[in-house]
Protein backbone atom coordinates (compact mmCIF):
# COMPACT_ATOMS: atom_id res chain seq x y z
CA UNK A 1 -148.88 -31.30 -102.64
CA UNK A 2 -149.68 -30.82 -98.95
CA UNK A 3 -149.93 -34.60 -98.53
CA UNK A 4 -146.56 -35.06 -100.22
CA UNK A 5 -144.99 -32.57 -97.82
CA UNK A 6 -146.56 -34.33 -94.83
CA UNK A 7 -145.32 -37.76 -95.98
CA UNK A 8 -141.83 -36.45 -96.70
CA UNK A 9 -141.72 -34.83 -93.23
CA UNK A 10 -142.93 -38.07 -91.62
CA UNK A 11 -140.11 -39.98 -93.32
CA UNK A 12 -137.57 -37.41 -92.11
CA UNK A 13 -138.90 -37.54 -88.54
CA UNK A 14 -139.42 -41.27 -88.19
CA UNK A 15 -136.89 -43.02 -90.39
CA UNK A 16 -133.15 -43.14 -89.92
CA UNK A 17 -132.27 -42.19 -93.47
CA UNK A 18 -129.20 -40.15 -94.25
CA UNK A 19 -129.49 -38.11 -97.42
CA UNK A 20 -126.02 -39.13 -98.54
CA UNK A 21 -125.78 -38.22 -102.20
CA UNK A 22 -123.07 -40.85 -102.75
CA UNK A 23 -125.53 -43.65 -101.91
CA UNK A 24 -127.28 -43.33 -105.26
CA UNK A 25 -124.72 -41.12 -106.98
CA UNK A 26 -127.34 -38.41 -107.07
CA UNK A 27 -127.20 -34.95 -105.52
CA UNK A 28 -130.50 -34.52 -103.71
CA UNK A 29 -129.73 -30.91 -102.88
CA UNK A 30 -130.16 -30.01 -106.53
CA UNK A 31 -133.73 -31.30 -106.43
CA UNK A 32 -136.32 -28.98 -104.96
CA UNK A 33 -139.57 -30.79 -105.75
CA UNK A 34 -141.18 -32.67 -102.86
CA UNK A 35 -141.97 -35.60 -105.16
CA UNK A 36 -138.34 -35.95 -106.17
CA UNK A 37 -137.22 -35.91 -102.53
CA UNK A 38 -139.82 -38.55 -101.68
CA UNK A 39 -138.53 -40.73 -104.50
CA UNK A 40 -134.98 -40.54 -103.22
CA UNK A 41 -136.06 -41.27 -99.64
CA UNK A 42 -137.98 -44.29 -100.89
CA UNK A 43 -134.93 -45.53 -102.76
CA UNK A 44 -132.76 -45.28 -99.67
CA UNK A 45 -135.37 -47.00 -97.52
CA UNK A 46 -135.55 -49.84 -100.05
CA UNK A 47 -131.81 -50.29 -99.66
CA UNK A 48 -132.29 -51.44 -96.08
CA UNK A 49 -132.53 -55.17 -95.22
CA UNK A 50 -135.98 -56.80 -95.43
CA UNK A 51 -137.43 -53.91 -97.42
CA UNK A 52 -139.10 -54.07 -100.82
CA UNK A 53 -139.86 -51.09 -103.04
CA UNK A 54 -143.26 -51.38 -104.76
CA UNK A 55 -142.96 -49.78 -108.17
CA UNK A 56 -143.72 -50.76 -111.74
CA UNK A 57 -141.24 -48.22 -113.12
CA UNK A 58 -138.19 -49.77 -111.50
CA UNK A 59 -139.28 -53.35 -112.12
CA UNK A 60 -139.30 -52.89 -115.90
CA UNK A 61 -136.04 -50.92 -116.07
CA UNK A 62 -132.62 -52.54 -116.25
CA UNK A 63 -131.56 -51.51 -112.77
CA UNK A 64 -129.08 -53.33 -110.55
CA UNK A 65 -131.22 -55.44 -108.21
CA UNK A 66 -128.22 -56.24 -106.04
CA UNK A 67 -128.69 -52.79 -104.57
CA UNK A 68 -132.50 -52.63 -104.48
CA UNK A 69 -135.31 -55.11 -104.08
CA UNK A 70 -138.28 -53.98 -106.16
CA UNK A 71 -141.63 -55.58 -106.86
CA UNK A 72 -144.50 -54.66 -109.14
CA UNK A 73 -147.47 -53.18 -107.28
CA UNK A 74 -149.78 -55.56 -109.13
CA UNK A 75 -147.61 -58.55 -108.21
CA UNK A 76 -147.83 -57.51 -104.58
CA UNK A 77 -151.63 -57.30 -104.82
CA UNK A 78 -151.61 -60.77 -106.35
CA UNK A 79 -149.53 -62.17 -103.48
CA UNK A 80 -151.85 -60.80 -100.82
CA UNK A 81 -154.92 -61.86 -102.82
CA UNK A 82 -156.59 -58.53 -103.46
CA UNK A 83 -158.75 -57.71 -106.48
CA UNK A 84 -159.33 -59.03 -109.97
CA UNK A 85 -155.88 -58.68 -111.51
CA UNK A 86 -157.09 -58.88 -115.11
CA UNK A 87 -159.46 -55.97 -114.55
CA UNK A 88 -156.75 -54.07 -112.70
CA UNK A 89 -154.26 -54.47 -115.55
CA UNK A 90 -156.86 -53.34 -118.08
CA UNK A 91 -157.72 -50.35 -115.88
CA UNK A 92 -154.04 -49.39 -115.70
CA UNK A 93 -153.75 -49.88 -119.46
CA UNK A 94 -156.62 -47.44 -119.99
CA UNK A 95 -154.65 -44.95 -117.90
CA UNK A 96 -151.67 -45.39 -120.27
CA UNK A 97 -149.69 -46.91 -117.41
CA UNK A 98 -146.31 -48.45 -118.24
CA UNK A 99 -145.45 -51.69 -116.51
CA UNK A 100 -148.77 -53.51 -116.36
CA UNK A 101 -149.20 -57.09 -117.58
CA UNK A 102 -151.73 -56.60 -120.34
CA UNK A 103 -153.40 -59.73 -121.68
CA UNK A 104 -153.76 -60.75 -125.32
CA UNK A 105 -157.47 -59.96 -125.52
CA UNK A 106 -156.95 -56.40 -124.29
CA UNK A 107 -154.11 -55.80 -126.77
CA UNK A 108 -156.22 -57.21 -129.59
CA UNK A 109 -159.26 -55.13 -128.65
CA UNK A 110 -157.20 -51.95 -128.51
CA UNK A 111 -155.81 -52.68 -131.96
CA UNK A 112 -159.29 -53.25 -133.37
CA UNK A 113 -160.35 -49.88 -131.95
CA UNK A 114 -157.33 -48.31 -133.64
CA UNK A 115 -158.21 -50.08 -136.88
CA UNK A 116 -161.71 -48.60 -136.74
CA UNK A 117 -160.21 -45.17 -135.99
CA UNK A 118 -161.84 -45.06 -132.55
CA UNK A 119 -160.19 -43.86 -129.32
CA UNK A 120 -157.76 -46.53 -128.19
CA UNK A 121 -154.67 -47.29 -126.08
CA UNK A 122 -152.80 -49.44 -128.58
CA UNK A 123 -149.73 -47.19 -128.53
CA UNK A 124 -149.50 -47.79 -124.78
CA UNK A 125 -149.82 -51.53 -125.42
CA UNK A 126 -146.75 -51.34 -127.67
CA UNK A 127 -144.85 -49.44 -124.98
CA UNK A 128 -145.71 -52.11 -122.42
CA UNK A 129 -144.78 -54.93 -124.79
CA UNK A 130 -141.40 -53.31 -125.45
CA UNK A 131 -140.52 -52.46 -121.86
CA UNK A 132 -142.09 -55.38 -120.00
CA UNK A 133 -140.58 -58.57 -121.42
CA UNK A 134 -142.72 -60.65 -119.04
CA UNK A 135 -145.76 -60.24 -121.30
CA UNK A 136 -144.11 -61.70 -124.40
CA UNK A 137 -146.49 -64.68 -124.45
CA UNK A 138 -149.49 -62.32 -124.38
CA UNK A 139 -148.01 -60.28 -127.23
CA UNK A 140 -147.58 -63.42 -129.31
CA UNK A 141 -151.14 -64.51 -128.59
CA UNK A 142 -152.41 -61.04 -129.50
CA UNK A 143 -150.53 -61.24 -132.79
CA UNK A 144 -152.24 -64.54 -133.53
CA UNK A 145 -155.66 -62.98 -132.85
CA UNK A 146 -154.93 -60.05 -135.15
CA UNK A 147 -153.79 -62.34 -137.97
CA UNK A 148 -156.78 -64.67 -137.68
CA UNK A 149 -159.44 -64.46 -140.38
CA UNK A 150 -159.31 -61.85 -143.14
CA UNK A 151 -156.26 -59.62 -142.72
CA UNK A 152 -154.90 -56.58 -144.53
CA UNK A 153 -151.31 -55.55 -145.32
CA UNK A 154 -151.67 -52.98 -142.53
CA UNK A 155 -152.44 -55.79 -140.06
CA UNK A 156 -149.23 -57.56 -141.03
CA UNK A 157 -147.18 -54.39 -140.62
CA UNK A 158 -148.67 -53.75 -137.18
CA UNK A 159 -147.95 -57.29 -136.00
CA UNK A 160 -144.41 -57.11 -137.38
CA UNK A 161 -143.87 -53.87 -135.45
CA UNK A 162 -145.37 -55.37 -132.30
CA UNK A 163 -143.06 -58.38 -132.48
CA UNK A 164 -140.08 -56.12 -133.11
CA UNK A 165 -140.99 -54.22 -129.94
CA UNK A 166 -141.33 -57.50 -128.05
CA UNK A 167 -137.86 -58.72 -129.07
CA UNK A 168 -136.06 -55.37 -128.77
CA UNK A 169 -134.99 -55.57 -125.12
CA UNK A 170 -134.56 -59.34 -124.95
CA UNK A 171 -131.02 -60.63 -125.16
CA UNK A 172 -130.30 -62.80 -128.18
CA UNK A 173 -130.62 -66.15 -126.38
CA UNK A 174 -133.96 -65.33 -124.80
CA UNK A 175 -135.24 -63.89 -128.07
CA UNK A 176 -134.24 -67.07 -129.89
CA UNK A 177 -136.09 -69.20 -127.32
CA UNK A 178 -139.21 -67.04 -127.65
CA UNK A 179 -138.98 -67.29 -131.43
CA UNK A 180 -138.81 -71.09 -131.28
CA UNK A 181 -141.77 -71.27 -128.89
CA UNK A 182 -143.84 -68.99 -131.14
CA UNK A 183 -143.02 -71.05 -134.22
CA UNK A 184 -144.16 -74.22 -132.46
CA UNK A 185 -147.34 -72.74 -131.00
CA UNK A 186 -148.65 -70.92 -134.07
CA UNK A 187 -148.53 -72.62 -137.47
CA UNK A 188 -150.10 -69.75 -139.46
CA UNK A 189 -147.55 -68.89 -142.21
CA UNK A 190 -148.39 -65.17 -142.01
CA UNK A 191 -147.84 -65.27 -138.27
CA UNK A 192 -144.53 -67.09 -138.52
CA UNK A 193 -143.30 -64.65 -141.17
CA UNK A 194 -144.18 -61.68 -138.93
CA UNK A 195 -142.53 -63.31 -135.93
CA UNK A 196 -139.33 -63.97 -137.87
CA UNK A 197 -139.39 -60.41 -139.20
CA UNK A 198 -139.65 -59.02 -135.66
CA UNK A 199 -136.77 -61.21 -134.46
CA UNK A 200 -134.50 -60.20 -137.35
CA UNK A 201 -135.39 -56.51 -137.02
CA UNK A 202 -134.53 -56.51 -133.29
CA UNK A 203 -131.35 -58.61 -133.63
CA UNK A 204 -130.28 -57.87 -137.17
CA UNK A 205 -126.56 -57.51 -136.42
CA UNK A 206 -126.31 -60.73 -134.42
CA UNK A 207 -128.59 -62.64 -136.75
């Protein structure tokens, strides 16, 4: 908490940021926590020219990017060439972090742990698949892994739910394109049935 206070004070002393509540339509004076004040200062700094806000949370939300330029922390690390990104995503997944680009193997392994009733992060995988539409291809590949070999009715239900999560926040046109790609890539009838189920469940009114 002391570090948060120091950083907030440094921003106040060194940055020309006016805490104008109309800027974000948010009354800062009603917020007393240092972390909340830091968040609002960061938002206003990111509104300045040639500034980018590094945050997974804002990247995966449906915010208006005409007002703010935001970039995933992991994407920034990728640009500057730091670290093994696959290991970093898996590490963030183990922390139940929302916004990381989990790969198909990690999603599959977490499901297998769940299937064996061992500690797992599969629920977090589903949250990431639903909220981060950029990992749709990994979700489809994970579904193919789960439905390979001997499968149970429970496996089918899980994959159907995973695909429903994947399609939920896609608009209809994008969802239809993803559906077509999945149908071409994976010929397994069980897979295709689950993929179609997920599409129809997420876009049942339009469909």
